[in-house]
Amino acid sequence: MIILAIESSCDETAAAVLEDDKKLLSNVINSQIDIHGKYGGVVPELASRKHLEDIYPVVREALNQADVSLNQVDGLAVTQGPGLIGCLLVGLSFTKALSLVKKIPYVGVDHMAGHLLSVFLADTKPNFPFVALIASGGHSSIFLASNPTSFQLMGRTRDDAAGEAFDKVGKLLGLAYPGGPVISKLAATGNSRAITFPRAWLDPDSLDFSFSGLKTSVANYVNQQRQRSEDLPVEEICASFQEAVVDVLVEKTIRAARRVGVDSVVLGGGVAANPRLRELMSKRTTEEGLQIFMPPPEFCTDNAAMIGLAGYHLFQAGLETLATDMDAYSRSLFF
């Protein structure tokens, strides 16, 4: 089965072509970081307009790289939500048009399902069931994945997501957007024990996350340093902040795996590309006798390959449609 997948949930216009769930024929991503960087975050209206400009050439390039024509495509997969509604509607409307004109069935994919299954784009793949941590700019959640289309939410952020906290702290320190990669790079040369920032463990049995207090603690520290006219130890701030985020993400994921009695742990989402998170998760899962599975960094951030993979399993479940009234949604169906 040849699947053409489209992703436009935020600030990447992406398209990919897959053969079943085993062979990725192409994966094209056009990022808008240069556009939104000057504003310190994604501007929804600008993102939507850029998707309109880029979606046709990106899809065309994906088909060309795969050496596949539209007449050879058996199914279309598109991100239906969650995300920025204006951005989602660009991809969804484009997919509906292709479906209508070429009579190709399509499926709407939940973006979270894409991240949950992105690990299957790696060489080493887990067996079901597994516990997955999905950490990104918009989400920090723990799921129990029973099969490719069944996911149970076990814990989620109550305020800022991990990636959002990275971006806000980066902006506070005057770093470039997005903050995550910059903070990670600076943290590599800093002392993670230099500054004691809080870890929000919440209730003893809670698998939820909260990073707003940590963000406030960093802001207070920075303000105090500036009031004293002292230099900011940026590397130490980045390292100590990053360690506080990673500690909680890792320990709660391990706690979730123990609670449901599974021995496989999966990491996904944009923050899953963070080297320190990958390092500590590997270390702690090994200590606990658990297996860890992580997608390559290029499949952690938003991409259409993971959407195509999730779409393939929806096709296998018989959920394809030719309808033109499918709508986008801003919040995940799994919450």
C-alpha atoms as a PDB file:
ATOM      1  CA  MET A   1       0.000   0.000   0.000  1.00  0.00           C
ATOM      2  CA  ILE A   2       1.431   3.376  -1.050  1.00  0.00           C
ATOM      3  CA  ILE A   3       0.511   6.201   1.346  1.00  0.00           C
ATOM      4  CA  LEU A   4       1.016   9.922   0.814  1.00  0.00           C
ATOM      5  CA  ALA A   5       1.075  11.701   4.177  1.00  0.00           C
ATOM      6  CA  ILE A   6       0.759  15.418   4.938  1.00  0.00           C
ATOM      7  CA  GLU A   7       1.576  17.294   8.165  1.00  0.00           C
ATOM      8  CA  SER A   8       0.814  20.990   8.793  1.00  0.00           C
ATOM      9  CA  SER A   9      -0.135  21.231  12.476  1.00  0.00           C
ATOM     10  CA  CYS A  10       2.230  24.038  13.461  1.00  0.00           C
ATOM     11  CA  ASP A  11       5.309  25.520  11.776  1.00  0.00           C
ATOM     12  CA  GLU A  12       6.528  22.698   9.531  1.00  0.00           C
ATOM     13  CA  THR A  13       4.995  21.882   6.162  1.00  0.00           C
ATOM     14  CA  ALA A  14       5.802  18.214   5.593  1.00  0.00           C
ATOM     15  CA  ALA A  15       4.965  15.392   3.214  1.00  0.00           C
ATOM     16  CA  ALA A  16       6.122  11.786   3.032  1.00  0.00           C
ATOM     17  CA  VAL A  17       5.512   8.679   0.968  1.00  0.00           C
ATOM     18  CA  LEU A  18       5.467   5.245   2.602  1.00  0.00           C
ATOM     19  CA  GLU A  19       5.117   1.719   1.311  1.00  0.00           C
ATOM     20  CA  ASP A  20       3.023  -0.112   3.913  1.00  0.00           C
ATOM     21  CA  ASP A  21       4.548   0.381   7.365  1.00  0.00           C
ATOM     22  CA  LYS A  22       7.990  -0.885   6.410  1.00  0.00           C
ATOM     23  CA  LYS A  23       9.567   1.366   3.795  1.00  0.00           C
ATOM     24  CA  LEU A  24       9.875   5.149   3.851  1.00  0.00           C
ATOM     25  CA  LEU A  25      10.247   6.311   0.248  1.00  0.00           C
ATOM     26  CA  SER A  26      10.540  10.050   0.946  1.00  0.00           C
ATOM     27  CA  ASN A  27      10.275  12.517   3.817  1.00  0.00           C
ATOM     28  CA  VAL A  28      10.262  16.246   3.024  1.00  0.00           C
ATOM     29  CA  ILE A  29      10.069  18.934   5.729  1.00  0.00           C
ATOM     30  CA  ASN A  30       9.970  22.685   5.203  1.00  0.00           C
ATOM     31  CA  SER A  31      10.553  24.517   8.493  1.00  0.00           C
ATOM     32  CA  GLN A  32       9.359  28.041   9.282  1.00  0.00           C
ATOM     33  CA  ILE A  33      11.859  28.706  12.102  1.00  0.00           C
ATOM     34  CA  ASP A  34      13.462  31.627  10.251  1.00  0.00           C
ATOM     35  CA  ILE A  35      10.068  33.321   9.923  1.00  0.00           C
ATOM     36  CA  HIS A  36       8.948  32.935  13.533  1.00  0.00           C
ATOM     37  CA  GLY A  37      12.352  33.277  15.204  1.00  0.00           C
ATOM     38  CA  LYS A  38      12.227  37.087  15.157  1.00  0.00           C
ATOM     39  CA  TYR A  39       8.990  36.972  17.168  1.00  0.00           C
ATOM     40  CA  GLY A  40      10.226  34.470  19.748  1.00  0.00           C
ATOM     41  CA  GLY A  41       7.461  31.992  18.935  1.00  0.00           C
ATOM     42  CA  VAL A  42       5.018  30.810  16.293  1.00  0.00           C
ATOM     43  CA  VAL A  43       2.652  33.445  14.883  1.00  0.00           C
ATOM     44  CA  PRO A  44      -0.423  31.412  13.804  1.00  0.00           C
ATOM     45  CA  GLU A  45      -1.514  33.676  10.942  1.00  0.00           C
ATOM     46  CA  LEU A  46       1.972  33.771   9.431  1.00  0.00           C
ATOM     47  CA  ALA A  47       2.257  30.000   9.831  1.00  0.00           C
ATOM     48  CA  SER A  48      -1.027  29.393   7.999  1.00  0.00           C
ATOM     49  CA  ARG A  49      -0.048  31.657   5.116  1.00  0.00           C
ATOM     50  CA  LYS A  50       3.329  29.962   4.767  1.00  0.00           C
ATOM     51  CA  HIS A  51       1.659  26.545   4.683  1.00  0.00           C
ATOM     52  CA  LEU A  52      -0.517  27.781   1.809  1.00  0.00           C
ATOM     53  CA  GLU A  53       2.604  28.792  -0.114  1.00  0.00           C
ATOM     54  CA  ASP A  54       4.562  25.617   0.582  1.00  0.00           C
ATOM     55  CA  ILE A  55       2.160  22.707   0.633  1.00  0.00           C
ATOM     56  CA  TYR A  56       1.982  22.073  -3.100  1.00  0.00           C
ATOM     57  CA  PRO A  57       5.765  22.208  -3.748  1.00  0.00           C
ATOM     58  CA  VAL A  58       6.462  20.106  -0.635  1.00  0.00           C
ATOM     59  CA  VAL A  59       3.989  17.393  -1.684  1.00  0.00           C
ATOM     60  CA  ARG A  60       5.305  17.468  -5.245  1.00  0.00           C
ATOM     61  CA  GLU A  61       8.881  17.075  -3.981  1.00  0.00           C
ATOM     62  CA  ALA A  62       7.894  14.134  -1.763  1.00  0.00           C
ATOM     63  CA  LEU A  63       6.296  12.366  -4.723  1.00  0.00           C
ATOM     64  CA  ASN A  64       9.309  13.118  -6.947  1.00  0.00           C
ATOM     65  CA  GLN A  65      11.807  11.810  -4.391  1.00  0.00           C
ATOM     66  CA  ALA A  66       9.752   8.650  -3.972  1.00  0.00           C
ATOM     67  CA  ASP A  67       9.443   8.291  -7.758  1.00  0.00           C
ATOM     68  CA  VAL A  68       5.697   7.842  -7.271  1.00  0.00           C
ATOM     69  CA  SER A  69       2.812   9.482  -9.144  1.00  0.00           C
ATOM     70  CA  LEU A  70      -0.573  10.341  -7.644  1.00  0.00           C
ATOM     71  CA  ASN A  71      -2.085   7.562  -9.726  1.00  0.00           C
ATOM     72  CA  GLN A  72       0.022   5.081  -7.751  1.00  0.00           C
ATOM     73  CA  VAL A  73      -1.080   6.388  -4.343  1.00  0.00           C
ATOM     74  CA  ASP A  74      -3.522   4.060  -2.570  1.00  0.00           C
ATOM     75  CA  GLY A  75      -4.303   6.234   0.447  1.00  0.00           C
ATOM     76  CA  LEU A  76      -3.799   9.690   1.927  1.00  0.00           C
ATOM     77  CA  ALA A  77      -3.038  10.430   5.577  1.00  0.00           C
ATOM     78  CA  VAL A  78      -3.230  13.923   7.055  1.00  0.00           C
ATOM     79  CA  THR A  79      -2.865  15.448  10.503  1.00  0.00           C
ATOM     80  CA  GLN A  80      -6.387  16.287  11.693  1.00  0.00           C
ATOM     81  CA  GLY A  81      -5.336  17.629  15.112  1.00  0.00           C
ATOM     82  CA  PRO A  82      -4.248  18.766  17.580  1.00  0.00           C
ATOM     83  CA  GLY A  83      -2.514  21.938  16.502  1.00  0.00           C
ATOM     84  CA  LEU A  84      -3.186  25.443  15.200  1.00  0.00           C
ATOM     85  CA  ILE A  85      -6.559  25.277  13.468  1.00  0.00           C
ATOM     86  CA  GLY A  86      -5.591  27.537  10.578  1.00  0.00           C
ATOM     87  CA  CYS A  87      -2.495  25.478   9.898  1.00  0.00           C
ATOM     88  CA  LEU A  88      -4.327  22.167  10.178  1.00  0.00           C
ATOM     89  CA  LEU A  89      -7.017  23.311   7.761  1.00  0.00           C
ATOM     90  CA  VAL A  90      -4.431  23.947   5.045  1.00  0.00           C
ATOM     91  CA  GLY A  91      -3.245  20.334   5.103  1.00  0.00           C
ATOM     92  CA  LEU A  92      -6.714  18.896   5.609  1.00  0.00           C
ATOM     93  CA  SER A  93      -8.271  20.936   2.788  1.00  0.00           C
ATOM     94  CA  PHE A  94      -5.421  20.049   0.428  1.00  0.00           C
ATOM     95  CA  THR A  95      -5.894  16.349   1.242  1.00  0.00           C
ATOM     96  CA  LYS A  96      -9.665  16.524   0.737  1.00  0.00           C
ATOM     97  CA  ALA A  97      -9.130  18.125  -2.674  1.00  0.00           C
ATOM     98  CA  LEU A  98      -6.744  15.345  -3.727  1.00  0.00           C
ATOM     99  CA  SER A  99      -9.161  12.735  -2.415  1.00  0.00           C
ATOM    100  CA  LEU A 100     -12.114  14.271  -4.254  1.00  0.00           C
ATOM    101  CA  VAL A 101     -10.366  14.742  -7.600  1.00  0.00           C
ATOM    102  CA  LYS A 102      -8.363  11.489  -7.671  1.00  0.00           C
ATOM    103  CA  LYS A 103     -10.879   9.309  -5.739  1.00  0.00           C
ATOM    104  CA  ILE A 104      -8.197   8.342  -3.224  1.00  0.00           C
ATOM    105  CA  PRO A 105      -9.469   7.480   0.276  1.00  0.00           C
ATOM    106  CA  TYR A 106      -7.948   9.342   3.206  1.00  0.00           C
ATOM    107  CA  VAL A 107      -7.681   9.161   6.992  1.00  0.00           C
ATOM    108  CA  GLY A 108      -7.368  11.922   9.569  1.00  0.00           C
ATOM    109  CA  VAL A 109      -4.530  11.232  12.009  1.00  0.00           C
ATOM    110  CA  ASP A 110      -4.168  12.475  15.564  1.00  0.00           C
ATOM    111  CA  HIS A 111      -0.748  14.120  15.835  1.00  0.00           C
ATOM    112  CA  MET A 112      -0.133  12.372  19.164  1.00  0.00           C
ATOM    113  CA  ALA A 113      -0.627   8.980  17.507  1.00  0.00           C
ATOM    114  CA  GLY A 114       2.082   9.958  15.036  1.00  0.00           C
ATOM    115  CA  HIS A 115       4.542  10.707  17.834  1.00  0.00           C
ATOM    116  CA  LEU A 116       3.581   7.505  19.651  1.00  0.00           C
ATOM    117  CA  LEU A 117       4.341   5.416  16.565  1.00  0.00           C
ATOM    118  CA  SER A 118       7.377   7.382  15.324  1.00  0.00           C
ATOM    119  CA  VAL A 119       9.647   4.886  17.089  1.00  0.00           C
ATOM    120  CA  PHE A 120       8.645   2.306  14.461  1.00  0.00           C
ATOM    121  CA  LEU A 121      10.573   4.381  11.914  1.00  0.00           C
ATOM    122  CA  ALA A 122      13.759   3.336  13.745  1.00  0.00           C
ATOM    123  CA  ASP A 123      15.660   0.111  13.096  1.00  0.00           C
ATOM    124  CA  THR A 124      14.908  -1.312  16.551  1.00  0.00           C
ATOM    125  CA  LYS A 125      11.190  -1.535  17.266  1.00  0.00           C
ATOM    126  CA  PRO A 126       9.294  -2.308  20.489  1.00  0.00           C
ATOM    127  CA  ASN A 127       6.531  -4.827  20.977  1.00  0.00           C
ATOM    128  CA  PHE A 128       3.122  -3.856  22.316  1.00  0.00           C
ATOM    129  CA  PRO A 129       2.189  -2.994  24.987  1.00  0.00           C
ATOM    130  CA  PHE A 130       4.606  -0.219  25.932  1.00  0.00           C
ATOM    131  CA  VAL A 131       4.624   3.001  27.951  1.00  0.00           C
ATOM    132  CA  ALA A 132       5.499   6.133  25.977  1.00  0.00           C
ATOM    133  CA  LEU A 133       6.588   9.589  27.035  1.00  0.00           C
ATOM    134  CA  ILE A 134       5.626  12.187  24.432  1.00  0.00           C
ATOM    135  CA  ALA A 135       7.398  15.475  25.203  1.00  0.00           C
ATOM    136  CA  SER A 136       7.166  18.431  22.838  1.00  0.00           C
ATOM    137  CA  GLY A 137       6.405  22.131  22.679  1.00  0.00           C
ATOM    138  CA  GLY A 138       2.701  21.564  23.145  1.00  0.00           C
ATOM    139  CA  HIS A 139       2.529  18.271  25.026  1.00  0.00           C
ATOM    140  CA  SER A 140       4.130  16.390  27.875  1.00  0.00           C
ATOM    141  CA  SER A 141       2.153  13.196  28.309  1.00  0.00           C
ATOM    142  CA  ILE A 142       2.551   9.543  29.265  1.00  0.00           C
ATOM    143  CA  PHE A 143       0.559   6.902  27.407  1.00  0.00           C
ATOM    144  CA  LEU A 144       0.036   3.168  27.586  1.00  0.00           C
ATOM    145  CA  ALA A 145       0.036   1.917  23.988  1.00  0.00           C
ATOM    146  CA  SER A 146      -1.820  -1.385  23.686  1.00  0.00           C
ATOM    147  CA  ASN A 147      -1.723  -1.639  19.892  1.00  0.00           C
ATOM    148  CA  PRO A 148      -1.137   0.715  16.919  1.00  0.00           C
ATOM    149  CA  THR A 149      -4.548   2.378  17.296  1.00  0.00           C
ATOM    150  CA  SER A 150      -5.260   2.099  21.039  1.00  0.00           C
ATOM    151  CA  PHE A 151      -3.619   4.535  23.486  1.00  0.00           C
ATOM    152  CA  GLN A 152      -4.535   5.239  27.097  1.00  0.00           C
ATOM    153  CA  LEU A 153      -3.515   8.531  28.713  1.00  0.00           C
ATOM    154  CA  MET A 154      -1.770   7.974  32.046  1.00  0.00           C
ATOM    155  CA  GLY A 155      -0.417  11.449  32.806  1.00  0.00           C
ATOM    156  CA  ARG A 156      -0.187  14.891  31.243  1.00  0.00           C
ATOM    157  CA  THR A 157       1.081  18.370  31.930  1.00  0.00           C
ATOM    158  CA  ARG A 158      -1.119  20.600  34.044  1.00  0.00           C
ATOM    159  CA  ASP A 159       0.356  23.811  32.649  1.00  0.00           C
ATOM    160  CA  ASP A 160       3.454  24.384  30.480  1.00  0.00           C
ATOM    161  CA  ALA A 161       4.684  21.484  28.391  1.00  0.00           C
ATOM    162  CA  ALA A 162       8.394  20.655  28.590  1.00  0.00           C
ATOM    163  CA  GLY A 163       9.207  22.129  25.190  1.00  0.00           C
ATOM    164  CA  GLU A 164       7.185  25.236  25.993  1.00  0.00           C
ATOM    165  CA  ALA A 165       9.179  25.678  29.209  1.00  0.00           C
ATOM    166  CA  PHE A 166      12.434  25.382  27.238  1.00  0.00           C
ATOM    167  CA  ASP A 167      11.265  28.068  24.802  1.00  0.00           C
ATOM    168  CA  LYS A 168      10.135  30.448  27.558  1.00  0.00           C
ATOM    169  CA  VAL A 169      13.358  30.068  29.527  1.00  0.00           C
ATOM    170  CA  GLY A 170      15.325  30.566  26.313  1.00  0.00           C
ATOM    171  CA  LYS A 171      13.415  33.793  25.654  1.00  0.00           C
ATOM    172  CA  LEU A 172      14.019  34.899  29.251  1.00  0.00           C
ATOM    173  CA  LEU A 173      17.766  34.424  28.729  1.00  0.00           C
ATOM    174  CA  GLY A 174      17.717  36.220  25.389  1.00  0.00           C
ATOM    175  CA  LEU A 175      18.491  33.064  23.401  1.00  0.00           C
ATOM    176  CA  ALA A 176      17.386  32.301  19.862  1.00  0.00           C
ATOM    177  CA  TYR A 177      14.086  30.558  19.118  1.00  0.00           C
ATOM    178  CA  PRO A 178      13.413  27.674  19.477  1.00  0.00           C
ATOM    179  CA  GLY A 179      14.985  27.576  22.913  1.00  0.00           C
ATOM    180  CA  GLY A 180      15.321  23.817  23.315  1.00  0.00           C
ATOM    181  CA  PRO A 181      18.303  23.140  21.028  1.00  0.00           C
ATOM    182  CA  VAL A 182      20.130  26.282  22.198  1.00  0.00           C
ATOM    183  CA  ILE A 183      19.653  25.481  25.884  1.00  0.00           C
ATOM    184  CA  SER A 184      20.756  21.892  25.282  1.00  0.00           C
ATOM    185  CA  LYS A 185      23.950  23.071  23.593  1.00  0.00           C
ATOM    186  CA  LEU A 186      24.784  25.567  26.339  1.00  0.00           C
ATOM    187  CA  ALA A 187      23.932  23.043  29.057  1.00  0.00           C
ATOM    188  CA  ALA A 188      26.595  20.687  27.722  1.00  0.00           C
ATOM    189  CA  THR A 189      29.278  23.044  29.020  1.00  0.00           C
ATOM    190  CA  GLY A 190      27.499  23.964  32.268  1.00  0.00           C
ATOM    191  CA  ASN A 191      27.259  22.433  35.734  1.00  0.00           C
ATOM    192  CA  SER A 192      23.812  20.894  36.256  1.00  0.00           C
ATOM    193  CA  ARG A 193      24.274  21.071  40.045  1.00  0.00           C
ATOM    194  CA  ALA A 194      25.300  24.719  40.154  1.00  0.00           C
ATOM    195  CA  ILE A 195      21.778  26.016  40.860  1.00  0.00           C
ATOM    196  CA  THR A 196      19.029  24.187  42.734  1.00  0.00           C
ATOM    197  CA  PHE A 197      15.809  24.521  40.774  1.00  0.00           C
ATOM    198  CA  PRO A 198      12.604  22.797  41.985  1.00  0.00           C
ATOM    199  CA  ARG A 199      11.172  19.499  40.733  1.00  0.00           C
ATOM    200  CA  ALA A 200       7.364  19.392  40.754  1.00  0.00           C
ATOM    201  CA  TRP A 201       6.549  15.795  41.753  1.00  0.00           C
ATOM    202  CA  LEU A 202       2.935  16.732  42.669  1.00  0.00           C
ATOM    203  CA  ASP A 203       0.918  14.075  44.527  1.00  0.00           C
ATOM    204  CA  PRO A 204       2.749  10.845  45.452  1.00  0.00           C
ATOM    205  CA  ASP A 205       0.754   8.785  42.926  1.00  0.00           C
ATOM    206  CA  SER A 206       0.508  11.446  40.232  1.00  0.00           C
ATOM    207  CA  LEU A 207       1.913  10.876  36.757  1.00  0.00           C
ATOM    208  CA  ASP A 208       1.105  14.458  35.733  1.00  0.00           C
ATOM    209  CA  PHE A 209       3.688  17.147  35.035  1.00  0.00           C
ATOM    210  CA  SER A 210       3.974  20.818  35.979  1.00  0.00           C
ATOM    211  CA  PHE A 211       6.743  23.068  34.724  1.00  0.00           C
ATOM    212  CA  SER A 212       5.291  26.537  35.403  1.00  0.00           C
ATOM    213  CA  GLY A 213       6.836  26.680  38.884  1.00  0.00           C
ATOM    214  CA  LEU A 214      10.237  25.736  37.500  1.00  0.00           C
ATOM    215  CA  LYS A 215       9.948  28.439  34.854  1.00  0.00           C
ATOM    216  CA  THR A 216       9.062  30.985  37.560  1.00  0.00           C
ATOM    217  CA  SER A 217      12.008  29.856  39.672  1.00  0.00           C
ATOM    218  CA  VAL A 218      14.388  30.453  36.756  1.00  0.00           C
ATOM    219  CA  ALA A 219      12.820  33.884  36.164  1.00  0.00           C
ATOM    220  CA  ASN A 220      13.263  34.811  39.835  1.00  0.00           C
ATOM    221  CA  TYR A 221      16.901  33.722  39.788  1.00  0.00           C
ATOM    222  CA  VAL A 222      17.602  35.738  36.635  1.00  0.00           C
ATOM    223  CA  ASN A 223      15.868  38.828  38.060  1.00  0.00           C
ATOM    224  CA  GLN A 224      17.860  38.583  41.308  1.00  0.00           C
ATOM    225  CA  GLN A 225      21.130  38.353  39.405  1.00  0.00           C
ATOM    226  CA  ARG A 226      20.230  41.391  37.327  1.00  0.00           C
ATOM    227  CA  GLN A 227      19.140  43.407  40.360  1.00  0.00           C
ATOM    228  CA  ARG A 228      22.553  42.743  41.899  1.00  0.00           C
ATOM    229  CA  SER A 229      24.182  43.763  38.604  1.00  0.00           C
ATOM    230  CA  GLU A 230      25.883  40.369  38.506  1.00  0.00           C
ATOM    231  CA  ASP A 231      26.701  38.452  35.333  1.00  0.00           C
ATOM    232  CA  LEU A 232      24.297  35.678  34.383  1.00  0.00           C
ATOM    233  CA  PRO A 233      25.928  32.220  34.491  1.00  0.00           C
ATOM    234  CA  VAL A 234      23.987  31.217  31.380  1.00  0.00           C
ATOM    235  CA  GLU A 235      25.566  27.777  30.946  1.00  0.00           C
ATOM    236  CA  GLU A 236      24.864  26.878  34.592  1.00  0.00           C
ATOM    237  CA  ILE A 237      21.295  28.153  34.375  1.00  0.00           C
ATOM    238  CA  CYS A 238      20.680  26.100  31.220  1.00  0.00           C
ATOM    239  CA  ALA A 239      22.262  22.951  32.665  1.00  0.00           C
ATOM    240  CA  SER A 240      20.448  23.199  36.007  1.00  0.00           C
ATOM    241  CA  PHE A 241      17.092  23.999  34.371  1.00  0.00           C
ATOM    242  CA  GLN A 242      17.440  21.188  31.836  1.00  0.00           C
ATOM    243  CA  GLU A 243      18.319  18.689  34.569  1.00  0.00           C
ATOM    244  CA  ALA A 244      15.217  19.658  36.554  1.00  0.00           C
ATOM    245  CA  VAL A 245      12.982  19.035  33.533  1.00  0.00           C
ATOM    246  CA  VAL A 246      14.664  15.790  32.522  1.00  0.00           C
ATOM    247  CA  ASP A 247      14.672  14.342  36.045  1.00  0.00           C
ATOM    248  CA  VAL A 248      10.892  14.577  36.327  1.00  0.00           C
ATOM    249  CA  LEU A 249      10.201  13.358  32.784  1.00  0.00           C
ATOM    250  CA  VAL A 250      12.368  10.267  33.266  1.00  0.00           C
ATOM    251  CA  GLU A 251      11.297   9.275  36.773  1.00  0.00           C
ATOM    252  CA  LYS A 252       7.570   9.608  36.100  1.00  0.00           C
ATOM    253  CA  THR A 253       7.866   7.575  32.898  1.00  0.00           C
ATOM    254  CA  ILE A 254       9.607   4.774  34.792  1.00  0.00           C
ATOM    255  CA  ARG A 255       6.972   5.003  37.521  1.00  0.00           C
ATOM    256  CA  ALA A 256       4.256   4.598  34.862  1.00  0.00           C
ATOM    257  CA  ALA A 257       5.935   1.518  33.362  1.00  0.00           C
ATOM    258  CA  ARG A 258       6.172  -0.089  36.799  1.00  0.00           C
ATOM    259  CA  ARG A 259       2.542   0.713  37.554  1.00  0.00           C
ATOM    260  CA  VAL A 260       1.188  -1.172  34.533  1.00  0.00           C
ATOM    261  CA  GLY A 261       3.857  -3.888  34.548  1.00  0.00           C
ATOM    262  CA  VAL A 262       5.366  -3.376  31.088  1.00  0.00           C
ATOM    263  CA  ASP A 263       9.091  -3.588  30.375  1.00  0.00           C
ATOM    264  CA  SER A 264       9.262  -1.460  27.214  1.00  0.00           C
ATOM    265  CA  VAL A 265       9.537   2.335  27.311  1.00  0.00           C
ATOM    266  CA  VAL A 266       9.277   4.610  24.268  1.00  0.00           C
ATOM    267  CA  LEU A 267      10.384   8.221  23.924  1.00  0.00           C
ATOM    268  CA  GLY A 268       8.819  10.564  21.367  1.00  0.00           C
ATOM    269  CA  GLY A 269       8.128  14.211  20.544  1.00  0.00           C
ATOM    270  CA  GLY A 270      10.415  17.135  19.802  1.00  0.00           C
ATOM    271  CA  VAL A 271      12.007  17.155  23.268  1.00  0.00           C
ATOM    272  CA  ALA A 272      12.922  13.483  22.704  1.00  0.00           C
ATOM    273  CA  ALA A 273      15.771  14.798  20.531  1.00  0.00           C
ATOM    274  CA  ASN A 274      17.352  16.360  23.640  1.00  0.00           C
ATOM    275  CA  PRO A 275      20.672  14.531  24.237  1.00  0.00           C
ATOM    276  CA  ARG A 276      20.479  14.739  28.030  1.00  0.00           C
ATOM    277  CA  LEU A 277      16.940  13.309  28.104  1.00  0.00           C
ATOM    278  CA  ARG A 278      18.023  10.437  25.863  1.00  0.00           C
ATOM    279  CA  GLU A 279      21.122   9.831  27.995  1.00  0.00           C
ATOM    280  CA  LEU A 280      19.346   9.835  31.355  1.00  0.00           C
ATOM    281  CA  MET A 281      16.378   7.815  30.082  1.00  0.00           C
ATOM    282  CA  SER A 282      18.761   5.160  28.748  1.00  0.00           C
ATOM    283  CA  LYS A 283      20.682   5.083  32.025  1.00  0.00           C
ATOM    284  CA  ARG A 284      17.636   4.868  34.305  1.00  0.00           C
ATOM    285  CA  THR A 285      15.745   2.299  32.237  1.00  0.00           C
ATOM    286  CA  THR A 286      18.838   0.087  32.170  1.00  0.00           C
ATOM    287  CA  GLU A 287      19.132   0.378  35.949  1.00  0.00           C
ATOM    288  CA  GLU A 288      15.460  -0.601  36.290  1.00  0.00           C
ATOM    289  CA  GLY A 289      15.721  -3.552  33.902  1.00  0.00           C
ATOM    290  CA  LEU A 290      13.539  -1.891  31.264  1.00  0.00           C
ATOM    291  CA  GLN A 291      14.067  -1.622  27.507  1.00  0.00           C
ATOM    292  CA  ILE A 292      14.172   1.846  25.969  1.00  0.00           C
ATOM    293  CA  PHE A 293      13.251   2.620  22.356  1.00  0.00           C
ATOM    294  CA  MET A 294      13.843   6.044  20.799  1.00  0.00           C
ATOM    295  CA  PRO A 295      13.311   7.277  17.244  1.00  0.00           C
ATOM    296  CA  PRO A 296      16.208   8.998  15.482  1.00  0.00           C
ATOM    297  CA  PRO A 297      16.205  12.764  16.203  1.00  0.00           C
ATOM    298  CA  GLU A 298      14.879  13.582  12.716  1.00  0.00           C
ATOM    299  CA  PHE A 299      11.673  11.697  13.510  1.00  0.00           C
ATOM    300  CA  CYS A 300      11.204  13.326  16.930  1.00  0.00           C
ATOM    301  CA  THR A 301      10.182  16.728  15.622  1.00  0.00           C
ATOM    302  CA  ASP A 302       7.051  17.172  13.501  1.00  0.00           C
ATOM    303  CA  ASN A 303       7.214  15.160  10.287  1.00  0.00           C
ATOM    304  CA  ALA A 304       4.869  13.486   7.832  1.00  0.00           C
ATOM    305  CA  ALA A 305       6.537  10.067   7.984  1.00  0.00           C
ATOM    306  CA  MET A 306       5.039   9.385  11.420  1.00  0.00           C
ATOM    307  CA  ILE A 307       1.642  10.625  10.205  1.00  0.00           C
ATOM    308  CA  GLY A 308       1.809   8.189   7.287  1.00  0.00           C
ATOM    309  CA  LEU A 309       2.720   5.345   9.625  1.00  0.00           C
ATOM    310  CA  ALA A 310      -0.207   6.087  11.940  1.00  0.00           C
ATOM    311  CA  GLY A 311      -2.418   6.492   8.880  1.00  0.00           C
ATOM    312  CA  TYR A 312      -1.425   3.067   7.569  1.00  0.00           C
ATOM    313  CA  HIS A 313      -2.746   1.439  10.737  1.00  0.00           C
ATOM    314  CA  LEU A 314      -6.009   3.392  10.477  1.00  0.00           C
ATOM    315  CA  PHE A 315      -6.393   2.093   6.916  1.00  0.00           C
ATOM    316  CA  GLN A 316      -5.786  -1.421   8.198  1.00  0.00           C
ATOM    317  CA  ALA A 317      -8.546  -0.847  10.742  1.00  0.00           C
ATOM    318  CA  GLY A 318     -10.935   0.148   7.940  1.00  0.00           C
ATOM    319  CA  LEU A 319     -11.308   3.816   8.927  1.00  0.00           C
ATOM    320  CA  GLU A 320     -10.670   5.414   5.538  1.00  0.00           C
ATOM    321  CA  THR A 321     -13.161   7.860   4.032  1.00  0.00           C
ATOM    322  CA  LEU A 322     -13.964   9.910   0.943  1.00  0.00           C
ATOM    323  CA  ALA A 323     -16.020  12.408   2.951  1.00  0.00           C
ATOM    324  CA  THR A 324     -15.507  16.146   2.509  1.00  0.00           C
ATOM    325  CA  ASP A 325     -16.952  17.227   5.876  1.00  0.00           C
ATOM    326  CA  MET A 326     -14.139  16.029   8.159  1.00  0.00           C
ATOM    327  CA  ASP A 327     -13.025  18.920  10.370  1.00  0.00           C
ATOM    328  CA  ALA A 328      -9.786  19.762  12.177  1.00  0.00           C
ATOM    329  CA  TYR A 329      -9.552  19.903  15.976  1.00  0.00           C
ATOM    330  CA  SER A 330      -7.242  21.857  18.276  1.00  0.00           C
ATOM    331  CA  ARG A 331      -6.994  19.372  21.179  1.00  0.00           C
ATOM    332  CA  SER A 332      -6.017  15.716  21.020  1.00  0.00           C
ATOM    333  CA  LEU A 333      -8.796  13.134  21.048  1.00  0.00           C
ATOM    334  CA  PHE A 334      -6.758  11.161  23.598  1.00  0.00           C
ATOM    335  CA  PHE A 335      -7.173  13.807  26.334  1.00  0.00           C
END
